[in-house]
């Protein structure tokens, strides 16, 4: 059985020039924010320069062709993608009957056709391309989009995406962790949800479940207001920190919600989706309506456990290169890095190297740091200030 230990440690934050390093030089990663935490691995998916894969697929009008659609480009069949993510095809239909899950008003079909690389139309995006997740209302059904991690062994993480949500009312776009279970009351999920029927400056943050057959749990959810007048239709960095004691959410680096109640505690998958089922949560989209979540990049630092579906695959980061797995034999984490200290997406900053000077490259003051590491790989680094 894998044991975890959470340990508060005082460190001194010192002003220092950021030193950019390659991920292969890092032994672990330390996040900033209200609950700084150590993680052993990192992935970075960059969708900003993929014009060779760009193209918007036509909408599919029939249920059969929607369900059977193939990937929109070769990018989604590449090992860079399939080693980490899996496009989804499931529907909200129950069994062979016409019954639908929950309070859905119409059939909802996930299709590979709704996830694609789109070329920038010359708007305010600095990127050449981005990944688009589309949902569209047809006469008899709603076509939707979802992809999830191939592995279910993520146990604590900090995940960020630079994205925007646009389009017709009646859709929900989301980034979340999810522990699969047959019993809805045992669901474990930490999520970010944006509703196109609601105010564009509000985001729903939840440690699921937020209700059962008898009651709702108000302490499980927050309806957060985005800071500085920003809207979810703008290009925004959304961040979820799932730590052992709480889930914390950020918008462009500013904390917007913090929930301790029923924080997920078991290994989970990571999901992204754009959907509508005509139910009470999303509302109904008008026939012909469309909504989109568009993503420039995804970055995640994380820990894993043997409780989930483990494999010996190398961790990859797109569009090229391999992020090797960290040694998990109890070796000391001598080189501590950060994905927060550089203003450039995808860059990694060196915080300290215990084989050299112990310098924490951050703005100077003392703070508590939470270590969330497997007990067999935990090391306490004494900083020499």
Protein backbone atom coordinates (compact mmCIF):
# COMPACT_ATOMS: atom_id res chain seq x y z
CA UNK A 1 0.00 0.00 0.00
CA UNK A 2 1.34 3.40 -0.95
CA UNK A 3 1.51 5.80 1.98
CA UNK A 4 1.55 9.57 1.68
CA UNK A 5 2.70 12.14 4.17
CA UNK A 6 1.76 15.81 4.31
CA UNK A 7 4.32 17.89 6.14
CA UNK A 8 4.47 21.65 6.72
CA UNK A 9 7.95 23.08 6.30
CA UNK A 10 9.10 26.66 6.73
CA UNK A 11 11.19 27.98 3.89
CA UNK A 12 12.53 31.42 3.19
CA UNK A 13 11.67 32.99 -0.13
CA UNK A 14 14.47 35.11 -1.52
CA UNK A 15 14.58 37.47 -4.41
CA UNK A 16 16.70 35.93 -7.14
CA UNK A 17 17.02 35.98 -10.88
CA UNK A 18 15.02 33.23 -12.57
CA UNK A 19 17.19 30.48 -14.05
CA UNK A 20 15.41 28.59 -16.83
CA UNK A 21 16.17 24.86 -16.98
CA UNK A 22 15.08 21.82 -18.97
CA UNK A 23 12.51 19.59 -17.29
CA UNK A 24 14.96 16.68 -17.35
CA UNK A 25 17.13 18.59 -14.86
CA UNK A 26 14.34 18.73 -12.24
CA UNK A 27 13.88 16.22 -9.45
CA UNK A 28 10.50 17.66 -8.44
CA UNK A 29 8.31 20.73 -8.83
CA UNK A 30 7.05 23.15 -6.17
CA UNK A 31 3.95 25.26 -6.84
CA UNK A 32 3.21 28.72 -5.47
CA UNK A 33 -0.08 30.05 -4.09
CA UNK A 34 -1.86 29.55 -0.78
CA UNK A 35 -1.07 25.82 -0.61
CA UNK A 36 2.43 25.28 -2.07
CA UNK A 37 2.94 21.59 -2.79
CA UNK A 38 5.65 19.33 -4.20
CA UNK A 39 5.01 17.17 -7.28
CA UNK A 40 7.21 14.61 -8.97
CA UNK A 41 6.25 14.92 -12.67
CA UNK A 42 5.22 17.41 -15.31
CA UNK A 43 3.55 17.48 -18.72
CA UNK A 44 3.06 20.41 -21.08
CA UNK A 45 0.85 20.31 -24.17
CA UNK A 46 1.27 23.25 -26.53
CA UNK A 47 -1.38 23.70 -29.23
CA UNK A 48 -0.19 27.12 -30.47
CA UNK A 49 1.99 26.07 -33.42
CA UNK A 50 0.20 23.12 -35.00
CA UNK A 51 -0.92 24.59 -38.32
CA UNK A 52 0.02 21.37 -40.12
CA UNK A 53 -2.88 19.68 -38.27
CA UNK A 54 -5.40 22.53 -38.47
CA UNK A 55 -8.84 22.28 -40.03
CA UNK A 56 -12.43 22.64 -38.83
CA UNK A 57 -14.41 19.45 -39.58
CA UNK A 58 -17.95 19.77 -40.90
CA UNK A 59 -20.76 19.14 -38.44
CA UNK A 60 -22.27 15.67 -38.68
CA UNK A 61 -26.08 15.60 -38.79
CA UNK A 62 -26.81 11.91 -38.12
CA UNK A 63 -26.35 9.93 -34.91
CA UNK A 64 -24.58 7.02 -36.60
CA UNK A 65 -21.98 9.10 -38.41
CA UNK A 66 -21.48 11.24 -35.30
CA UNK A 67 -20.76 8.20 -33.15
CA UNK A 68 -18.47 6.53 -35.73
CA UNK A 69 -16.47 9.63 -36.67
CA UNK A 70 -12.69 9.30 -36.73
CA UNK A 71 -10.15 11.73 -35.31
CA UNK A 72 -10.12 15.11 -37.02
CA UNK A 73 -6.37 15.01 -37.77
CA UNK A 74 -3.29 12.81 -37.40
CA UNK A 75 -2.31 14.77 -34.30
CA UNK A 76 -4.96 12.93 -32.26
CA UNK A 77 -3.62 9.53 -33.32
CA UNK A 78 0.01 10.45 -32.59
CA UNK A 79 1.76 8.89 -29.60
CA UNK A 80 2.35 12.38 -28.18
CA UNK A 81 -1.42 12.58 -27.74
CA UNK A 82 -2.51 8.96 -27.17
CA UNK A 83 0.12 8.23 -24.52
CA UNK A 84 -1.59 10.80 -22.28
CA UNK A 85 -5.13 11.50 -23.56
CA UNK A 86 -8.08 9.55 -24.97
CA UNK A 87 -10.91 11.07 -27.04
CA UNK A 88 -14.37 9.90 -25.92
CA UNK A 89 -17.35 8.39 -27.81
CA UNK A 90 -19.91 7.64 -25.07
CA UNK A 91 -23.53 8.84 -24.92
CA UNK A 92 -26.01 9.60 -22.13
CA UNK A 93 -28.31 6.78 -23.21
CA UNK A 94 -29.01 4.07 -20.62
CA UNK A 95 -28.89 0.53 -21.99
CA UNK A 96 -30.91 -0.33 -25.10
CA UNK A 97 -33.90 1.73 -24.06
CA UNK A 98 -34.45 5.38 -24.89
CA UNK A 99 -33.96 6.41 -21.26
CA UNK A 100 -31.40 9.15 -20.67
CA UNK A 101 -29.19 9.77 -17.65
CA UNK A 102 -30.19 12.42 -15.14
CA UNK A 103 -32.65 15.11 -16.19
CA UNK A 104 -31.43 15.30 -19.79
CA UNK A 105 -33.94 16.56 -22.38
CA UNK A 106 -32.22 15.09 -25.41
CA UNK A 107 -29.66 12.55 -26.54
CA UNK A 108 -26.03 13.62 -26.06
CA UNK A 109 -23.30 12.02 -28.21
CA UNK A 110 -19.57 12.44 -27.70
CA UNK A 111 -17.78 12.46 -31.03
CA UNK A 112 -14.15 12.57 -32.13
CA UNK A 113 -15.29 15.02 -34.80
CA UNK A 114 -15.73 17.78 -32.21
CA UNK A 115 -12.09 17.95 -31.05
CA UNK A 116 -9.78 19.60 -33.56
CA UNK A 117 -6.90 21.98 -34.12
CA UNK A 118 -8.16 25.35 -35.35
CA UNK A 119 -6.19 28.12 -37.02
CA UNK A 120 -6.37 31.53 -35.37
CA UNK A 121 -8.84 33.77 -37.19
CA UNK A 122 -6.82 36.91 -36.54
CA UNK A 123 -8.48 37.79 -33.25
CA UNK A 124 -6.72 38.74 -30.04
CA UNK A 125 -5.04 35.35 -29.63
CA UNK A 126 -1.23 35.50 -29.91
CA UNK A 127 -1.10 31.88 -31.09
CA UNK A 128 -1.23 30.55 -34.65
CA UNK A 129 -3.51 27.67 -33.64
CA UNK A 130 -5.42 26.28 -30.67
CA UNK A 131 -7.32 23.13 -29.74
CA UNK A 132 -11.09 23.49 -30.04
CA UNK A 133 -13.76 21.43 -28.27
CA UNK A 134 -17.18 21.92 -29.87
CA UNK A 135 -20.76 21.17 -28.90
CA UNK A 136 -23.59 21.59 -31.42
CA UNK A 137 -27.38 21.25 -31.16
CA UNK A 138 -28.91 19.12 -33.89
CA UNK A 139 -32.64 18.44 -34.35
CA UNK A 140 -32.65 15.13 -32.48
CA UNK A 141 -29.46 15.20 -30.42
CA UNK A 142 -26.56 17.25 -29.08
CA UNK A 143 -23.04 16.45 -30.31
CA UNK A 144 -20.44 17.09 -27.61
CA UNK A 145 -16.71 16.70 -26.95
CA UNK A 146 -14.59 15.15 -24.21
CA UNK A 147 -11.11 13.81 -23.70
CA UNK A 148 -9.71 12.19 -20.57
CA UNK A 149 -6.35 10.97 -19.33
CA UNK A 150 -5.42 7.44 -20.34
CA UNK A 151 -4.23 6.80 -16.79
CA UNK A 152 -6.38 6.87 -13.65
CA UNK A 153 -3.47 7.05 -11.22
CA UNK A 154 -3.14 10.81 -10.68
CA UNK A 155 -3.13 11.55 -6.96
CA UNK A 156 -2.76 15.28 -6.32
CA UNK A 157 -1.87 17.75 -9.03
CA UNK A 158 -1.75 21.34 -10.17
CA UNK A 159 -3.23 21.74 -13.64
CA UNK A 160 -3.58 24.88 -15.74
CA UNK A 161 -4.98 25.74 -19.16
CA UNK A 162 -4.98 28.94 -21.20
CA UNK A 163 -8.47 28.90 -22.67
CA UNK A 164 -11.64 30.75 -23.52
CA UNK A 165 -15.30 29.67 -23.69
CA UNK A 166 -17.51 31.20 -26.37
CA UNK A 167 -20.73 30.47 -28.21
CA UNK A 168 -24.44 29.89 -27.77
CA UNK A 169 -26.25 29.68 -24.41
CA UNK A 170 -26.97 26.19 -23.12
CA UNK A 171 -23.49 24.65 -22.80
CA UNK A 172 -21.03 23.78 -20.05
CA UNK A 173 -17.25 23.68 -20.52
CA UNK A 174 -15.09 22.06 -17.86
CA UNK A 175 -11.69 20.90 -16.63
CA UNK A 176 -11.81 18.41 -13.75
CA UNK A 177 -10.46 15.39 -11.93
CA UNK A 178 -12.77 12.38 -11.69
CA UNK A 179 -12.78 9.13 -9.73
CA UNK A 180 -15.01 6.66 -11.57
CA UNK A 181 -17.61 4.87 -9.46
CA UNK A 182 -20.90 3.05 -10.02
CA UNK A 183 -22.45 4.82 -7.04
CA UNK A 184 -22.98 8.53 -7.66
CA UNK A 185 -22.81 9.28 -3.95
CA UNK A 186 -19.21 8.04 -3.93
CA UNK A 187 -18.06 10.24 -6.79
CA UNK A 188 -14.82 12.11 -6.17
CA UNK A 189 -14.35 15.12 -8.42
CA UNK A 190 -12.79 18.56 -8.32
CA UNK A 191 -13.98 20.73 -11.18
CA UNK A 192 -14.02 24.06 -12.98
CA UNK A 193 -17.24 24.69 -14.93
CA UNK A 194 -18.28 27.59 -17.14
CA UNK A 195 -21.93 27.94 -18.19
CA UNK A 196 -22.70 29.81 -21.41
CA UNK A 197 -26.23 30.55 -20.15
CA UNK A 198 -24.88 32.35 -17.11
CA UNK A 199 -22.87 35.52 -16.43
CA UNK A 200 -19.50 35.40 -18.18
CA UNK A 201 -17.68 36.67 -15.10
CA UNK A 202 -18.77 33.71 -12.94
CA UNK A 203 -17.24 30.23 -12.69
CA UNK A 204 -18.54 27.27 -10.70
CA UNK A 205 -15.94 25.47 -8.54
CA UNK A 206 -16.94 22.23 -6.82
CA UNK A 207 -15.65 19.25 -4.87
CA UNK A 208 -18.29 16.76 -6.05
CA UNK A 209 -20.78 15.48 -5.16
CA UNK A 210 -22.65 18.69 -4.39
CA UNK A 211 -25.97 16.93 -3.72
CA UNK A 212 -27.70 13.59 -3.20
CA UNK A 213 -31.32 12.45 -3.33
CA UNK A 214 -32.10 14.13 -0.01
CA UNK A 215 -30.04 17.31 0.22
CA UNK A 216 -27.56 19.69 -1.36
CA UNK A 217 -24.12 20.44 0.07
CA UNK A 218 -23.54 24.18 -0.14
CA UNK A 219 -20.09 23.81 1.42
CA UNK A 220 -18.99 21.70 -1.58
CA UNK A 221 -19.25 24.46 -4.16
CA UNK A 222 -18.46 28.12 -4.82
CA UNK A 223 -19.76 30.41 -7.54
CA UNK A 224 -16.61 32.44 -8.03
CA UNK A 225 -16.33 35.90 -9.52
CA UNK A 226 -13.48 36.39 -11.97
CA UNK A 227 -11.01 39.13 -10.92
CA UNK A 228 -10.17 42.41 -12.65
CA UNK A 229 -13.28 42.46 -14.82
CA UNK A 230 -12.17 39.43 -16.82
CA UNK A 231 -14.65 37.12 -18.55
CA UNK A 232 -14.40 33.44 -19.40
CA UNK A 233 -14.79 34.44 -23.05
CA UNK A 234 -11.36 36.10 -22.72
CA UNK A 235 -8.09 34.17 -22.95
CA UNK A 236 -7.60 33.24 -19.28
CA UNK A 237 -5.26 30.90 -17.40
CA UNK A 238 -7.51 28.65 -15.30
CA UNK A 239 -5.78 26.65 -12.57
CA UNK A 240 -6.87 23.85 -10.25
CA UNK A 241 -4.65 22.70 -7.37
CA UNK A 242 -5.86 19.38 -5.95
CA UNK A 243 -3.88 18.85 -2.74
CA UNK A 244 -4.32 16.39 0.16
CA UNK A 245 -6.30 18.85 2.26
CA UNK A 246 -8.15 21.10 -0.14
CA UNK A 247 -8.89 22.12 -3.71
CA UNK A 248 -7.80 25.63 -4.69
CA UNK A 249 -8.71 27.48 -7.89
CA UNK A 250 -7.07 30.46 -9.61
CA UNK A 251 -7.75 32.80 -12.52
CA UNK A 252 -4.63 34.38 -14.04
CA UNK A 253 -2.74 33.64 -10.83
CA UNK A 254 -5.32 35.10 -8.43
CA UNK A 255 -7.10 32.73 -6.05
CA UNK A 256 -10.85 32.59 -6.69
CA UNK A 257 -12.00 29.65 -4.51
CA UNK A 258 -10.71 27.31 -1.82
CA UNK A 259 -12.69 24.28 -0.59
CA UNK A 260 -11.68 21.77 2.08
CA UNK A 261 -15.05 19.96 2.26
CA UNK A 262 -14.88 16.45 0.70
CA UNK A 263 -11.64 17.07 -1.15
CA UNK A 264 -10.97 14.04 -3.40
CA UNK A 265 -8.58 11.59 -1.78
CA UNK A 266 -8.28 8.66 -4.21
CA UNK A 267 -6.43 8.30 -7.51
CA UNK A 268 -8.35 9.86 -10.41
CA UNK A 269 -8.37 10.71 -14.10
CA UNK A 270 -8.18 14.19 -15.61
CA UNK A 271 -10.97 15.29 -17.97
CA UNK A 272 -11.85 18.17 -20.30
CA UNK A 273 -15.30 18.50 -21.88
CA UNK A 274 -17.75 20.76 -23.70
CA UNK A 275 -21.33 19.56 -23.49
CA UNK A 276 -25.06 20.10 -23.14
CA UNK A 277 -27.91 17.69 -22.44
CA UNK A 278 -30.82 20.12 -22.14
CA UNK A 279 -31.01 19.50 -18.41
CA UNK A 280 -31.30 21.91 -15.51
CA UNK A 281 -27.54 22.49 -15.22
CA UNK A 282 -26.69 23.44 -18.80
CA UNK A 283 -30.10 24.57 -19.99
CA UNK A 284 -31.33 23.93 -23.53
CA UNK A 285 -29.38 25.05 -26.56
CA UNK A 286 -31.43 26.13 -29.58
CA UNK A 287 -31.24 23.93 -32.68
CA UNK A 288 -28.32 25.14 -34.78
CA UNK A 289 -26.52 26.60 -31.76
CA UNK A 290 -22.85 25.92 -31.07
CA UNK A 291 -20.45 26.55 -28.19
CA UNK A 292 -16.70 26.09 -27.92
CA UNK A 293 -13.88 25.75 -25.43
CA UNK A 294 -10.63 26.74 -27.12
CA UNK A 295 -7.31 25.87 -25.47
CA UNK A 296 -3.85 27.22 -26.30
CA UNK A 297 -1.94 25.03 -23.85
CA UNK A 298 -2.29 22.66 -20.90
CA UNK A 299 0.35 22.27 -18.19
CA UNK A 300 0.24 19.92 -15.22
CA UNK A 301 2.56 18.93 -12.39
CA UNK A 302 1.41 15.86 -10.53
CA UNK A 303 2.02 12.83 -8.36
CA UNK A 304 0.92 9.30 -9.20
CA UNK A 305 0.15 6.15 -7.25
CA UNK A 306 -0.12 2.43 -7.98
CA UNK A 307 -3.79 2.62 -6.94
CA UNK A 308 -4.73 3.63 -10.49
CA UNK A 309 -4.03 2.09 -13.88
CA UNK A 310 -0.25 2.16 -14.10
CA UNK A 311 1.84 1.64 -17.21
CA UNK A 312 5.50 1.77 -18.10
CA UNK A 313 4.97 4.33 -20.85
CA UNK A 314 7.21 7.34 -20.88
CA UNK A 315 5.52 10.63 -20.00
CA UNK A 316 5.42 12.74 -23.13
CA UNK A 317 4.86 16.41 -23.70
CA UNK A 318 3.55 17.71 -26.99
CA UNK A 319 4.19 18.53 -29.74
CA UNK A 320 7.67 16.96 -29.49
CA UNK A 321 10.04 15.56 -26.91
CA UNK A 322 9.75 13.23 -23.97
CA UNK A 323 9.43 14.03 -20.30
CA UNK A 324 11.07 11.07 -18.60
CA UNK A 325 9.56 9.64 -15.44
CA UNK A 326 11.25 10.65 -12.23
CA UNK A 327 13.12 8.04 -10.25
CA UNK A 328 10.79 6.56 -7.64
CA UNK A 329 13.37 4.60 -5.69
CA UNK A 330 13.69 6.99 -2.78
CA UNK A 331 16.38 9.18 -4.34
CA UNK A 332 16.58 12.64 -2.84
CA UNK A 333 14.80 15.44 -4.69
CA UNK A 334 17.92 17.55 -5.01
CA UNK A 335 16.80 19.84 -7.82
CA UNK A 336 13.53 21.68 -7.13
CA UNK A 337 11.88 23.54 -10.01
CA UNK A 338 8.82 25.74 -10.60
CA UNK A 339 6.36 26.27 -13.44
CA UNK A 340 5.16 29.49 -11.77
CA UNK A 341 8.26 31.69 -11.71
CA UNK A 342 8.60 32.40 -15.43
CA UNK A 343 6.23 34.64 -17.35
CA UNK A 344 6.63 32.43 -20.44
CA UNK A 345 4.26 29.48 -20.72
CA UNK A 346 6.09 26.17 -20.73
CA UNK A 347 9.30 27.51 -19.22
CA UNK A 348 10.66 25.90 -16.07
CA UNK A 349 12.54 27.88 -13.43
CA UNK A 350 15.12 26.47 -11.04
CA UNK A 351 14.22 27.15 -7.40
CA UNK A 352 17.15 25.42 -5.77
CA UNK A 353 19.73 22.71 -6.26
CA UNK A 354 20.66 21.04 -2.97
CA UNK A 355 24.01 20.04 -4.46
CA UNK A 356 24.76 23.75 -4.86
CA UNK A 357 23.49 26.86 -3.07
CA UNK A 358 20.01 26.51 -1.58
CA UNK A 359 18.27 29.45 -3.20
CA UNK A 360 14.52 29.78 -3.46
CA UNK A 361 13.89 32.08 -6.41
CA UNK A 362 10.84 33.95 -5.23
CA UNK A 363 9.88 37.22 -3.60
CA UNK A 364 11.37 37.30 -0.14
CA UNK A 365 9.45 36.29 2.97
CA UNK A 366 8.95 33.22 5.14
CA UNK A 367 6.07 30.90 4.32
CA UNK A 368 4.76 27.44 5.08
CA UNK A 369 5.16 24.85 2.34
CA UNK A 370 3.14 21.63 2.18
CA UNK A 371 4.92 18.47 1.04
CA UNK A 372 2.66 15.89 -0.59
CA UNK A 373 5.02 13.08 -1.49
CA UNK A 374 5.05 9.29 -1.24
CA UNK A 375 6.53 8.45 2.13
CA UNK A 376 9.14 6.29 0.46
CA UNK A 377 10.39 9.22 -1.60
CA UNK A 378 9.98 12.01 0.95
CA UNK A 379 13.03 14.08 1.71
CA UNK A 380 13.21 17.16 3.88
CA UNK A 381 15.57 19.68 2.37
CA UNK A 382 17.10 21.99 4.98
CA UNK A 383 17.61 25.35 3.39
CA UNK A 384 20.75 27.25 4.24
CA UNK A 385 19.76 30.88 4.21
